Amino acid sequence: MNWHSLQDFLAMGGYGSYVWGSFGVVSGLMMLEVWALARREREAQAAVASTNEEGTA
């Protein structure tokens, strides 16, 4: 496909709303996954730290 302007590229031959909407949803879900992973890691580290503190007391 050959685009003659940025507007043609963004329009994607009439399918731009589907293409860019899908791109946005996937990007958002990927960011959500990174955030959730970091949160789970912090919770796991806190659980291990509290277990270690209980074992030494």
Foldseek 3Di string as FASTA:
>chain_A
DDDDDPVCVCCVVVCNCVVVVVVVVVVVVVVVVVVVVVVVVVVVVVVVVVVVVVVVD
